């Protein structure tokens, strides 16, 4: 919980710069949070890596792993 405000501040910065697409909690069948998902967009791999180095949930070990997958937002 200590890292949560810092994480949300970081995500707000991503939103302000247009890097944040969508994010939130992954829930189990009981409706309890069991993970999270964040879709972000960066111009370069270096920009992504720079964000990962600063992300509070990684620094405070809230996230024990991050899976990075290519993603394209549908033009609808």
N, C-alpha and C. Protein backbone atom coordinates (compact mmCIF):
# COMPACT_ATOMS: atom_id res chain seq x y z
N UNK A 1 0.82 -1.20 0.00
CA UNK A 1 0.00 0.00 0.00
C UNK A 1 0.87 1.27 0.00
N UNK A 2 2.08 1.14 0.51
CA UNK A 2 2.98 2.30 0.56
C UNK A 2 3.27 2.83 -0.85
N UNK A 3 3.39 1.95 -1.80
CA UNK A 3 3.75 2.35 -3.17
C UNK A 3 2.56 2.84 -3.98
N UNK A 4 1.35 2.56 -3.53
CA UNK A 4 0.16 2.85 -4.33
C UNK A 4 0.03 4.32 -4.74
N UNK A 5 0.14 5.28 -3.82
CA UNK A 5 0.03 6.69 -4.24
C UNK A 5 1.10 7.07 -5.27
N UNK A 6 2.31 6.56 -5.10
CA UNK A 6 3.39 6.87 -6.05
C UNK A 6 3.09 6.25 -7.40
N UNK A 7 2.55 5.03 -7.39
CA UNK A 7 2.18 4.35 -8.64
C UNK A 7 1.10 5.16 -9.37
N UNK A 8 0.06 5.58 -8.63
CA UNK A 8 -1.02 6.34 -9.25
C UNK A 8 -0.51 7.68 -9.77
N UNK A 9 0.42 8.32 -9.06
CA UNK A 9 1.02 9.56 -9.57
C UNK A 9 1.75 9.31 -10.88
N UNK A 10 2.47 8.19 -10.95
CA UNK A 10 3.20 7.85 -12.16
C UNK A 10 2.22 7.61 -13.32
N UNK A 11 1.14 6.90 -13.04
CA UNK A 11 0.15 6.63 -14.09
C UNK A 11 -0.53 7.92 -14.54
N UNK A 12 -0.79 8.83 -13.61
CA UNK A 12 -1.37 10.13 -13.99
C UNK A 12 -0.43 10.89 -14.92
N UNK A 13 0.87 10.80 -14.67
CA UNK A 13 1.85 11.43 -15.56
C UNK A 13 1.81 10.78 -16.93
N UNK A 14 1.70 9.45 -16.96
CA UNK A 14 1.60 8.74 -18.24
C UNK A 14 0.35 9.19 -19.00
N UNK A 15 -0.75 9.37 -18.28
CA UNK A 15 -2.00 9.81 -18.90
C UNK A 15 -1.84 11.22 -19.47
N UNK A 16 -1.20 12.09 -18.71
CA UNK A 16 -1.01 13.47 -19.14
C UNK A 16 -0.15 13.57 -20.40
N UNK A 17 0.79 12.63 -20.56
CA UNK A 17 1.67 12.65 -21.73
C UNK A 17 1.14 11.79 -22.88
N UNK A 18 -0.02 11.16 -22.68
CA UNK A 18 -0.61 10.34 -23.74
C UNK A 18 -0.07 8.93 -23.80
N UNK A 19 0.73 8.51 -22.81
CA UNK A 19 1.30 7.17 -22.81
C UNK A 19 0.38 6.11 -22.19
N UNK A 20 -0.56 6.53 -21.38
CA UNK A 20 -1.50 5.62 -20.72
C UNK A 20 -2.70 5.38 -21.62
N UNK A 21 -3.03 4.10 -21.87
CA UNK A 21 -4.22 3.75 -22.64
C UNK A 21 -5.34 3.33 -21.70
N UNK A 22 -5.10 2.30 -20.90
CA UNK A 22 -6.09 1.81 -19.94
C UNK A 22 -5.39 0.93 -18.92
N UNK A 23 -5.96 0.83 -17.75
CA UNK A 23 -5.39 -0.04 -16.73
C UNK A 23 -6.37 -0.28 -15.62
N UNK A 24 -6.09 -1.30 -14.82
CA UNK A 24 -6.95 -1.59 -13.69
C UNK A 24 -6.67 -2.94 -13.09
N UNK A 25 -7.55 -3.31 -12.15
CA UNK A 25 -7.40 -4.55 -11.40
C UNK A 25 -7.95 -5.74 -12.18
N UNK A 26 -7.27 -6.88 -12.04
CA UNK A 26 -7.79 -8.16 -12.52
C UNK A 26 -8.41 -8.82 -11.29
N UNK A 27 -9.67 -9.27 -11.43
CA UNK A 27 -10.40 -9.82 -10.31
C UNK A 27 -10.57 -11.32 -10.45
N UNK A 28 -10.55 -12.02 -9.32
CA UNK A 28 -10.84 -13.46 -9.33
C UNK A 28 -12.37 -13.65 -9.27
N UNK A 29 -12.80 -14.90 -9.20
CA UNK A 29 -14.24 -15.20 -9.21
C UNK A 29 -14.98 -14.60 -8.01
N UNK A 30 -14.27 -14.39 -6.92
CA UNK A 30 -14.88 -13.80 -5.73
C UNK A 30 -14.91 -12.27 -5.79
N UNK A 31 -14.36 -11.71 -6.85
CA UNK A 31 -14.32 -10.26 -6.99
C UNK A 31 -13.17 -9.60 -6.27
N UNK A 32 -12.20 -10.39 -5.85
CA UNK A 32 -11.02 -9.89 -5.15
C UNK A 32 -9.89 -9.67 -6.15
N UNK A 33 -9.17 -8.60 -5.97
CA UNK A 33 -8.05 -8.31 -6.87
C UNK A 33 -7.00 -9.41 -6.77
N UNK A 34 -6.59 -9.93 -7.93
CA UNK A 34 -5.55 -10.97 -7.96
C UNK A 34 -4.42 -10.59 -8.91
N UNK A 35 -4.48 -9.41 -9.45
CA UNK A 35 -3.45 -8.94 -10.37
C UNK A 35 -3.87 -7.61 -10.96
N UNK A 36 -3.11 -7.14 -11.91
CA UNK A 36 -3.47 -5.90 -12.57
C UNK A 36 -2.95 -5.91 -14.00
N UNK A 37 -3.51 -5.00 -14.78
CA UNK A 37 -3.12 -4.89 -16.18
C UNK A 37 -3.01 -3.41 -16.52
N UNK A 38 -2.03 -3.10 -17.32
CA UNK A 38 -1.80 -1.72 -17.73
C UNK A 38 -1.40 -1.73 -19.19
N UNK A 39 -2.13 -1.01 -19.99
CA UNK A 39 -1.78 -0.88 -21.41
C UNK A 39 -1.24 0.54 -21.59
N UNK A 40 0.01 0.59 -22.01
CA UNK A 40 0.70 1.86 -22.22
C UNK A 40 1.27 1.90 -23.63
N UNK A 41 1.62 3.09 -24.05
CA UNK A 41 2.16 3.27 -25.40
C UNK A 41 3.37 4.18 -25.32
N UNK A 42 4.48 3.73 -25.87
CA UNK A 42 5.70 4.51 -25.90
C UNK A 42 6.24 4.54 -27.32
N UNK A 43 6.94 5.61 -27.64
CA UNK A 43 7.49 5.75 -28.99
C UNK A 43 8.62 4.76 -29.25
N UNK A 44 9.41 4.50 -28.21
CA UNK A 44 10.58 3.63 -28.40
C UNK A 44 10.67 2.62 -27.26
N UNK A 45 11.42 1.59 -27.49
CA UNK A 45 11.72 0.59 -26.45
C UNK A 45 12.48 1.25 -25.30
N UNK A 46 13.36 2.17 -25.62
CA UNK A 46 14.12 2.89 -24.59
C UNK A 46 13.19 3.67 -23.67
N UNK A 47 12.15 4.31 -24.24
CA UNK A 47 11.18 5.04 -23.43
C UNK A 47 10.43 4.10 -22.49
N UNK A 48 10.06 2.94 -23.00
CA UNK A 48 9.39 1.92 -22.17
C UNK A 48 10.31 1.49 -21.03
N UNK A 49 11.55 1.18 -21.34
CA UNK A 49 12.49 0.72 -20.33
C UNK A 49 12.74 1.80 -19.27
N UNK A 50 12.78 3.05 -19.69
CA UNK A 50 12.98 4.16 -18.74
C UNK A 50 11.81 4.24 -17.76
N UNK A 51 10.59 4.08 -18.26
CA UNK A 51 9.42 4.06 -17.37
C UNK A 51 9.49 2.87 -16.41
N UNK A 52 9.83 1.70 -16.93
CA UNK A 52 9.91 0.51 -16.06
C UNK A 52 10.93 0.70 -14.94
N UNK A 53 12.03 1.38 -15.21
CA UNK A 53 13.05 1.63 -14.18
C UNK A 53 12.54 2.52 -13.06
N UNK A 54 11.49 3.32 -13.35
CA UNK A 54 10.98 4.28 -12.38
C UNK A 54 9.65 3.87 -11.75
N UNK A 55 9.01 2.84 -12.29
CA UNK A 55 7.67 2.45 -11.85
C UNK A 55 7.69 2.00 -10.38
N UNK A 56 6.96 2.72 -9.50
CA UNK A 56 6.98 2.39 -8.07
C UNK A 56 6.56 0.95 -7.74
N UNK A 57 5.63 0.37 -8.47
CA UNK A 57 5.23 -1.00 -8.17
C UNK A 57 6.35 -1.99 -8.46
N UNK A 58 7.24 -1.67 -9.36
CA UNK A 58 8.41 -2.52 -9.57
C UNK A 58 9.48 -2.23 -8.52
N UNK A 59 9.70 -0.98 -8.23
CA UNK A 59 10.73 -0.61 -7.25
C UNK A 59 10.40 -1.16 -5.86
N UNK A 60 9.12 -1.20 -5.51
CA UNK A 60 8.69 -1.69 -4.19
C UNK A 60 8.25 -3.14 -4.22
N UNK A 61 8.47 -3.80 -5.36
CA UNK A 61 8.21 -5.24 -5.52
C UNK A 61 6.74 -5.62 -5.30
N UNK A 62 5.83 -4.70 -5.66
CA UNK A 62 4.40 -5.03 -5.69
C UNK A 62 4.16 -5.95 -6.88
N UNK A 63 4.74 -5.58 -8.02
CA UNK A 63 4.71 -6.45 -9.19
C UNK A 63 5.96 -7.31 -9.15
N UNK A 64 5.79 -8.63 -9.15
CA UNK A 64 6.98 -9.48 -9.16
C UNK A 64 7.43 -9.80 -10.58
N UNK A 65 6.56 -9.52 -11.54
CA UNK A 65 6.97 -9.67 -12.94
C UNK A 65 6.10 -8.79 -13.82
N UNK A 66 6.64 -8.44 -14.96
CA UNK A 66 5.92 -7.65 -15.95
C UNK A 66 6.05 -8.38 -17.28
N UNK A 67 4.93 -8.65 -17.89
CA UNK A 67 4.93 -9.24 -19.23
C UNK A 67 4.63 -8.13 -20.23
N UNK A 68 5.56 -7.86 -21.12
CA UNK A 68 5.40 -6.83 -22.13
C UNK A 68 5.02 -7.53 -23.43
N UNK A 69 3.88 -7.12 -23.98
CA UNK A 69 3.38 -7.70 -25.22
C UNK A 69 3.05 -6.56 -26.19
N UNK A 70 3.33 -6.75 -27.46
CA UNK A 70 2.91 -5.74 -28.45
C UNK A 70 1.38 -5.66 -28.47
N UNK A 71 0.85 -4.48 -28.68
CA UNK A 71 -0.59 -4.28 -28.66
C UNK A 71 -0.91 -3.13 -29.61
N UNK A 72 -1.97 -3.30 -30.38
CA UNK A 72 -2.41 -2.23 -31.26
C UNK A 72 -3.86 -1.91 -30.92
N UNK A 73 -4.14 -0.64 -30.67
CA UNK A 73 -5.50 -0.21 -30.37
C UNK A 73 -6.28 -0.22 -31.67
N UNK A 74 -7.47 -0.83 -31.63
CA UNK A 74 -8.33 -0.90 -32.81
C UNK A 74 -8.83 0.50 -33.19
N UNK A 75 -8.82 0.79 -34.46
CA UNK A 75 -9.31 2.06 -34.97
C UNK A 75 -10.79 1.92 -35.30
N UNK A 76 -11.62 2.11 -34.28
CA UNK A 76 -13.07 1.97 -34.46
C UNK A 76 -13.80 3.25 -34.15
